[in-house]
Amino acid sequence: MVVYDEADGSLHALNPVAGEALGHLIHHTRLCDADLARLMLLDEPEAAELEQVRDLMHGLVTLGFAEHAPT
């Protein structure tokens, strides 16, 4: 998946997993890491899977494609 950033005109290539996560975030704008993991896995995430989703979310936040909402 390629994402165009209108802010600076840059393109970002995302791997399929990151693309899937971003797609879920577009359709469900308020997801915690665990809820995103459940959507992606269609099951309860194990600790290692939840950590991977947290890392993925951190990457999307760093790119500016997602943001952490206050809880």
PDB file of N, CA and C in Angstrom:
ATOM      1  N   MET A   1       0.847  -1.163   0.000  1.00  0.00           N
ATOM      2  CA  MET A   1       0.000   0.000   0.000  1.00  0.00           C
ATOM      3  C   MET A   1       0.896   1.230   0.000  1.00  0.00           C
ATOM      4  N   VAL A   2       0.515   2.206  -0.798  1.00  0.00           N
ATOM      5  CA  VAL A   2       1.233   3.473  -0.848  1.00  0.00           C
ATOM      6  C   VAL A   2       0.288   4.553  -0.331  1.00  0.00           C
ATOM      7  N   VAL A   3       0.808   5.392   0.560  1.00  0.00           N
ATOM      8  CA  VAL A   3       0.005   6.458   1.164  1.00  0.00           C
ATOM      9  C   VAL A   3       0.616   7.793   0.773  1.00  0.00           C
ATOM     10  N   TYR A   4      -0.220   8.683   0.282  1.00  0.00           N
ATOM     11  CA  TYR A   4       0.198  10.035  -0.073  1.00  0.00           C
ATOM     12  C   TYR A   4      -0.052  10.957   1.110  1.00  0.00           C
ATOM     13  N   ASP A   5       0.969  11.685   1.513  1.00  0.00           N
ATOM     14  CA  ASP A   5       0.866  12.637   2.616  1.00  0.00           C
ATOM     15  C   ASP A   5       0.671  14.028   2.026  1.00  0.00           C
ATOM     16  N   GLU A   6      -0.556  14.546   2.108  1.00  0.00           N
ATOM     17  CA  GLU A   6      -0.859  15.855   1.540  1.00  0.00           C
ATOM     18  C   GLU A   6      -0.081  16.982   2.213  1.00  0.00           C
ATOM     19  N   ALA A   7       0.312  16.792   3.463  1.00  0.00           N
ATOM     20  CA  ALA A   7       1.004  17.847   4.199  1.00  0.00           C
ATOM     21  C   ALA A   7       2.314  18.248   3.525  1.00  0.00           C
ATOM     22  N   ASP A   8       3.067  17.244   3.040  1.00  0.00           N
ATOM     23  CA  ASP A   8       4.357  17.571   2.426  1.00  0.00           C
ATOM     24  C   ASP A   8       4.546  16.966   1.038  1.00  0.00           C
ATOM     25  N   GLY A   9       3.522  16.310   0.526  1.00  0.00           N
ATOM     26  CA  GLY A   9       3.597  15.749  -0.827  1.00  0.00           C
ATOM     27  C   GLY A   9       4.404  14.473  -0.927  1.00  0.00           C
ATOM     28  N   SER A  10       4.722  13.853   0.202  1.00  0.00           N
ATOM     29  CA  SER A  10       5.540  12.645   0.163  1.00  0.00           C
ATOM     30  C   SER A  10       4.681  11.396   0.019  1.00  0.00           C
ATOM     31  N   LEU A  11       5.311  10.329  -0.452  1.00  0.00           N
ATOM     32  CA  LEU A  11       4.685   9.023  -0.561  1.00  0.00           C
ATOM     33  C   LEU A  11       5.346   8.085   0.434  1.00  0.00           C
ATOM     34  N   HIS A  12       4.551   7.207   1.029  1.00  0.00           N
ATOM     35  CA  HIS A  12       5.074   6.225   1.976  1.00  0.00           C
ATOM     36  C   HIS A  12       4.572   4.852   1.569  1.00  0.00           C
ATOM     37  N   ALA A  13       5.487   3.915   1.409  1.00  0.00           N
ATOM     38  CA  ALA A  13       5.121   2.536   1.108  1.00  0.00           C
ATOM     39  C   ALA A  13       4.953   1.791   2.427  1.00  0.00           C
ATOM     40  N   LEU A  14       3.771   1.218   2.638  1.00  0.00           N
ATOM     41  CA  LEU A  14       3.500   0.440   3.841  1.00  0.00           C
ATOM     42  C   LEU A  14       3.435  -1.030   3.479  1.00  0.00           C
ATOM     43  N   ASN A  15       3.914  -1.872   4.378  1.00  0.00           N
ATOM     44  CA  ASN A  15       3.789  -3.304   4.138  1.00  0.00           C
ATOM     45  C   ASN A  15       2.312  -3.686   4.283  1.00  0.00           C
ATOM     46  N   PRO A  16       1.931  -4.881   3.821  1.00  0.00           N
ATOM     47  CA  PRO A  16       0.513  -5.265   3.869  1.00  0.00           C
ATOM     48  C   PRO A  16      -0.106  -5.227   5.265  1.00  0.00           C
ATOM     49  N   VAL A  17       0.643  -5.572   6.281  1.00  0.00           N
ATOM     50  CA  VAL A  17       0.097  -5.563   7.647  1.00  0.00           C
ATOM     51  C   VAL A  17      -0.173  -4.124   8.091  1.00  0.00           C
ATOM     52  N   ALA A  18       0.766  -3.229   7.849  1.00  0.00           N
ATOM     53  CA  ALA A  18       0.570  -1.824   8.198  1.00  0.00           C
ATOM     54  C   ALA A  18      -0.583  -1.228   7.386  1.00  0.00           C
ATOM     55  N   GLY A  19      -0.702  -1.625   6.135  1.00  0.00           N
ATOM     56  CA  GLY A  19      -1.810  -1.162   5.304  1.00  0.00           C
ATOM     57  C   GLY A  19      -3.150  -1.621   5.850  1.00  0.00           C
ATOM     58  N   GLU A  20      -3.217  -2.877   6.292  1.00  0.00           N
ATOM     59  CA  GLU A  20      -4.446  -3.392   6.890  1.00  0.00           C
ATOM     60  C   GLU A  20      -4.785  -2.621   8.160  1.00  0.00           C
ATOM     61  N   ALA A  21      -3.784  -2.383   8.992  1.00  0.00           N
ATOM     62  CA  ALA A  21      -4.013  -1.641  10.237  1.00  0.00           C
ATOM     63  C   ALA A  21      -4.528  -0.238   9.935  1.00  0.00           C
ATOM     64  N   LEU A  22      -3.917   0.435   8.976  1.00  0.00           N
ATOM     65  CA  LEU A  22      -4.347   1.785   8.625  1.00  0.00           C
ATOM     66  C   LEU A  22      -5.777   1.765   8.084  1.00  0.00           C
ATOM     67  N   GLY A  23      -6.113   0.750   7.310  1.00  0.00           N
ATOM     68  CA  GLY A  23      -7.480   0.622   6.821  1.00  0.00           C
ATOM     69  C   GLY A  23      -8.483   0.502   7.954  1.00  0.00           C
ATOM     70  N   HIS A  24      -8.160  -0.299   8.962  1.00  0.00           N
ATOM     71  CA  HIS A  24      -9.042  -0.420  10.123  1.00  0.00           C
ATOM     72  C   HIS A  24      -9.156   0.916  10.854  1.00  0.00           C
ATOM     73  N   LEU A  25      -8.044   1.636  10.971  1.00  0.00           N
ATOM     74  CA  LEU A  25      -8.074   2.917  11.673  1.00  0.00           C
ATOM     75  C   LEU A  25      -8.888   3.958  10.918  1.00  0.00           C
ATOM     76  N   ILE A  26      -8.905   3.868   9.611  1.00  0.00           N
ATOM     77  CA  ILE A  26      -9.708   4.798   8.808  1.00  0.00           C
ATOM     78  C   ILE A  26     -11.192   4.545   9.051  1.00  0.00           C
ATOM     79  N   HIS A  27     -11.566   3.281   9.161  1.00  0.00           N
ATOM     80  CA  HIS A  27     -12.978   2.932   9.352  1.00  0.00           C
ATOM     81  C   HIS A  27     -13.428   2.988  10.808  1.00  0.00           C
ATOM     82  N   HIS A  28     -12.515   2.837  11.725  1.00  0.00           N
ATOM     83  CA  HIS A  28     -12.811   2.856  13.166  1.00  0.00           C
ATOM     84  C   HIS A  28     -11.830   3.829  13.806  1.00  0.00           C
ATOM     85  N   THR A  29     -12.219   5.070  13.914  1.00  0.00           N
ATOM     86  CA  THR A  29     -11.261   6.118  14.281  1.00  0.00           C
ATOM     87  C   THR A  29     -10.796   6.082  15.727  1.00  0.00           C
ATOM     88  N   ARG A  30     -11.472   5.359  16.594  1.00  0.00           N
ATOM     89  CA  ARG A  30     -11.045   5.302  18.001  1.00  0.00           C
ATOM     90  C   ARG A  30     -10.855   3.852  18.413  1.00  0.00           C
ATOM     91  N   LEU A  31      -9.673   3.342  18.142  1.00  0.00           N
ATOM     92  CA  LEU A  31      -9.337   1.964  18.514  1.00  0.00           C
ATOM     93  C   LEU A  31      -8.130   1.961  19.429  1.00  0.00           C
ATOM     94  N   CYS A  32      -8.220   1.211  20.503  1.00  0.00           N
ATOM     95  CA  CYS A  32      -7.023   0.991  21.314  1.00  0.00           C
ATOM     96  C   CYS A  32      -6.219  -0.129  20.644  1.00  0.00           C
ATOM     97  N   ASP A  33      -4.997  -0.307  21.085  1.00  0.00           N
ATOM     98  CA  ASP A  33      -4.131  -1.329  20.490  1.00  0.00           C
ATOM     99  C   ASP A  33      -4.771  -2.711  20.531  1.00  0.00           C
ATOM    100  N   ALA A  34      -5.383  -3.057  21.657  1.00  0.00           N
ATOM    101  CA  ALA A  34      -5.987  -4.384  21.802  1.00  0.00           C
ATOM    102  C   ALA A  34      -7.165  -4.564  20.841  1.00  0.00           C
ATOM    103  N   ASP A  35      -7.990  -3.527  20.663  1.00  0.00           N
ATOM    104  CA  ASP A  35      -9.117  -3.628  19.737  1.00  0.00           C
ATOM    105  C   ASP A  35      -8.630  -3.762  18.295  1.00  0.00           C
ATOM    106  N   LEU A  36      -7.594  -3.034  17.947  1.00  0.00           N
ATOM    107  CA  LEU A  36      -7.019  -3.157  16.603  1.00  0.00           C
ATOM    108  C   LEU A  36      -6.474  -4.564  16.398  1.00  0.00           C
ATOM    109  N   ALA A  37      -5.791  -5.092  17.389  1.00  0.00           N
ATOM    110  CA  ALA A  37      -5.255  -6.458  17.284  1.00  0.00           C
ATOM    111  C   ALA A  37      -6.378  -7.464  17.099  1.00  0.00           C
ATOM    112  N   ARG A  38      -7.477  -7.296  17.824  1.00  0.00           N
ATOM    113  CA  ARG A  38      -8.619  -8.213  17.682  1.00  0.00           C
ATOM    114  C   ARG A  38      -9.196  -8.156  16.275  1.00  0.00           C
ATOM    115  N   LEU A  39      -9.316  -6.953  15.705  1.00  0.00           N
ATOM    116  CA  LEU A  39      -9.821  -6.821  14.343  1.00  0.00           C
ATOM    117  C   LEU A  39      -8.896  -7.494  13.335  1.00  0.00           C
ATOM    118  N   MET A  40      -7.613  -7.331  13.519  1.00  0.00           N
ATOM    119  CA  MET A  40      -6.650  -7.887  12.568  1.00  0.00           C
ATOM    120  C   MET A  40      -6.531  -9.396  12.701  1.00  0.00           C
ATOM    121  N   LEU A  41      -6.596  -9.908  13.919  1.00  0.00           N
ATOM    122  CA  LEU A  41      -6.391 -11.343  14.155  1.00  0.00           C
ATOM    123  C   LEU A  41      -7.690 -12.143  14.162  1.00  0.00           C
ATOM    124  N   LEU A  42      -8.814 -11.443  14.302  1.00  0.00           N
ATOM    125  CA  LEU A  42     -10.114 -12.105  14.444  1.00  0.00           C
ATOM    126  C   LEU A  42     -10.126 -13.050  15.631  1.00  0.00           C
ATOM    127  N   ASP A  43      -9.365 -12.690  16.666  1.00  0.00           N
ATOM    128  CA  ASP A  43      -9.241 -13.502  17.868  1.00  0.00           C
ATOM    129  C   ASP A  43      -8.608 -12.639  18.954  1.00  0.00           C
ATOM    130  N   GLU A  44      -8.550 -13.162  20.170  1.00  0.00           N
ATOM    131  CA  GLU A  44      -7.857 -12.468  21.258  1.00  0.00           C
ATOM    132  C   GLU A  44      -6.355 -12.518  21.009  1.00  0.00           C
ATOM    133  N   PRO A  45      -5.684 -11.387  21.064  1.00  0.00           N
ATOM    134  CA  PRO A  45      -4.245 -11.389  20.825  1.00  0.00           C
ATOM    135  C   PRO A  45      -3.459 -11.933  22.017  1.00  0.00           C
ATOM    136  N   GLU A  46      -2.394 -12.624  21.703  1.00  0.00           N
ATOM    137  CA  GLU A  46      -1.453 -13.032  22.748  1.00  0.00           C
ATOM    138  C   GLU A  46      -0.543 -11.852  23.037  1.00  0.00           C
ATOM    139  N   ALA A  47       0.208 -11.931  24.107  1.00  0.00           N
ATOM    140  CA  ALA A  47       1.058 -10.810  24.536  1.00  0.00           C
ATOM    141  C   ALA A  47       2.019 -10.371  23.435  1.00  0.00           C
ATOM    142  N   ALA A  48       2.644 -11.321  22.760  1.00  0.00           N
ATOM    143  CA  ALA A  48       3.607 -10.981  21.703  1.00  0.00           C
ATOM    144  C   ALA A  48       2.907 -10.303  20.529  1.00  0.00           C
ATOM    145  N   GLU A  49       1.701 -10.751  20.190  1.00  0.00           N
ATOM    146  CA  GLU A  49       0.954 -10.142  19.088  1.00  0.00           C
ATOM    147  C   GLU A  49       0.522  -8.725  19.449  1.00  0.00           C
ATOM    148  N   LEU A  50       0.113  -8.527  20.687  1.00  0.00           N
ATOM    149  CA  LEU A  50      -0.281  -7.195  21.131  1.00  0.00           C
ATOM    150  C   LEU A  50       0.918  -6.251  21.100  1.00  0.00           C
ATOM    151  N   GLU A  51       2.069  -6.733  21.472  1.00  0.00           N
ATOM    152  CA  GLU A  51       3.288  -5.903  21.412  1.00  0.00           C
ATOM    153  C   GLU A  51       3.616  -5.528  19.967  1.00  0.00           C
ATOM    154  N   GLN A  52       3.418  -6.447  19.040  1.00  0.00           N
ATOM    155  CA  GLN A  52       3.653  -6.149  17.622  1.00  0.00           C
ATOM    156  C   GLN A  52       2.694  -5.069  17.126  1.00  0.00           C
ATOM    157  N   VAL A  53       1.445  -5.145  17.545  1.00  0.00           N
ATOM    158  CA  VAL A  53       0.471  -4.121  17.151  1.00  0.00           C
ATOM    159  C   VAL A  53       0.845  -2.782  17.774  1.00  0.00           C
ATOM    160  N   ARG A  54       1.306  -2.781  19.000  1.00  0.00           N
ATOM    161  CA  ARG A  54       1.755  -1.522  19.633  1.00  0.00           C
ATOM    162  C   ARG A  54       2.910  -0.909  18.843  1.00  0.00           C
ATOM    163  N   ASP A  55       3.860  -1.731  18.424  1.00  0.00           N
ATOM    164  CA  ASP A  55       4.984  -1.239  17.618  1.00  0.00           C
ATOM    165  C   ASP A  55       4.498  -0.685  16.277  1.00  0.00           C
ATOM    166  N   LEU A  56       3.552  -1.384  15.675  1.00  0.00           N
ATOM    167  CA  LEU A  56       2.985  -0.948  14.405  1.00  0.00           C
ATOM    168  C   LEU A  56       2.280   0.397  14.574  1.00  0.00           C
ATOM    169  N   MET A  57       1.488   0.514  15.632  1.00  0.00           N
ATOM    170  CA  MET A  57       0.803   1.777  15.904  1.00  0.00           C
ATOM    171  C   MET A  57       1.795   2.910  16.142  1.00  0.00           C
ATOM    172  N   HIS A  58       2.863   2.628  16.862  1.00  0.00           N
ATOM    173  CA  HIS A  58       3.893   3.643  17.101  1.00  0.00           C
ATOM    174  C   HIS A  58       4.468   4.133  15.763  1.00  0.00           C
ATOM    175  N   GLY A  59       4.701   3.195  14.850  1.00  0.00           N
ATOM    176  CA  GLY A  59       5.210   3.578  13.530  1.00  0.00           C
ATOM    177  C   GLY A  59       4.230   4.458  12.773  1.00  0.00           C
ATOM    178  N   LEU A  60       2.941   4.131  12.823  1.00  0.00           N
ATOM    179  CA  LEU A  60       1.933   4.941  12.143  1.00  0.00           C
ATOM    180  C   LEU A  60       1.808   6.317  12.784  1.00  0.00           C
ATOM    181  N   VAL A  61       1.957   6.389  14.103  1.00  0.00           N
ATOM    182  CA  VAL A  61       1.934   7.683  14.788  1.00  0.00           C
ATOM    183  C   VAL A  61       3.156   8.502  14.383  1.00  0.00           C
ATOM    184  N   THR A  62       4.310   7.863  14.331  1.00  0.00           N
ATOM    185  CA  THR A  62       5.541   8.555  13.946  1.00  0.00           C
ATOM    186  C   THR A  62       5.440   9.144  12.535  1.00  0.00           C
ATOM    187  N   LEU A  63       4.794   8.410  11.631  1.00  0.00           N
ATOM    188  CA  LEU A  63       4.610   8.900  10.260  1.00  0.00           C
ATOM    189  C   LEU A  63       3.539   9.980  10.175  1.00  0.00           C
ATOM    190  N   GLY A  64       2.738  10.125  11.236  1.00  0.00           N
ATOM    191  CA  GLY A  64       1.675  11.116  11.224  1.00  0.00           C
ATOM    192  C   GLY A  64       0.360  10.584  10.670  1.00  0.00           C
ATOM    193  N   PHE A  65       0.246   9.280  10.480  1.00  0.00           N
ATOM    194  CA  PHE A  65      -0.980   8.682   9.932  1.00  0.00           C
ATOM    195  C   PHE A  65      -1.983   8.312  11.011  1.00  0.00           C
ATOM    196  N   ALA A  66      -1.580   8.353  12.255  1.00  0.00           N
ATOM    197  CA  ALA A  66      -2.449   8.058  13.384  1.00  0.00           C
ATOM    198  C   ALA A  66      -1.974   8.914  14.550  1.00  0.00           C
ATOM    199  N   GLU A  67      -2.814   9.027  15.545  1.00  0.00           N
ATOM    200  CA  GLU A  67      -2.398   9.749  16.754  1.00  0.00           C
ATOM    201  C   GLU A  67      -2.972   9.053  17.969  1.00  0.00           C
ATOM    202  N   HIS A  68      -2.275   9.206  19.057  1.00  0.00           N
ATOM    203  CA  HIS A  68      -2.744   8.647  20.319  1.00  0.00           C
ATOM    204  C   HIS A  68      -3.798   9.590  20.888  1.00  0.00           C
ATOM    205  N   ALA A  69      -4.939   9.026  21.207  1.00  0.00           N
ATOM    206  CA  ALA A  69      -6.007   9.814  21.826  1.00  0.00           C
ATOM    207  C   ALA A  69      -5.914   9.639  23.329  1.00  0.00           C
ATOM    208  N   PRO A  70      -6.231  10.682  24.084  1.00  0.00           N
ATOM    209  CA  PRO A  70      -6.224  10.537  25.536  1.00  0.00           C
ATOM    210  C   PRO A  70      -7.281   9.531  25.971  1.00  0.00           C
ATOM    211  N   THR A  71      -6.960   8.764  27.013  1.00  0.00           N
ATOM    212  CA  THR A  71      -7.908   7.766  27.495  1.00  0.00           C
ATOM    213  C   THR A  71      -8.669   8.275  28.684  1.00  0.00           C
TER     214      THR A  71
END
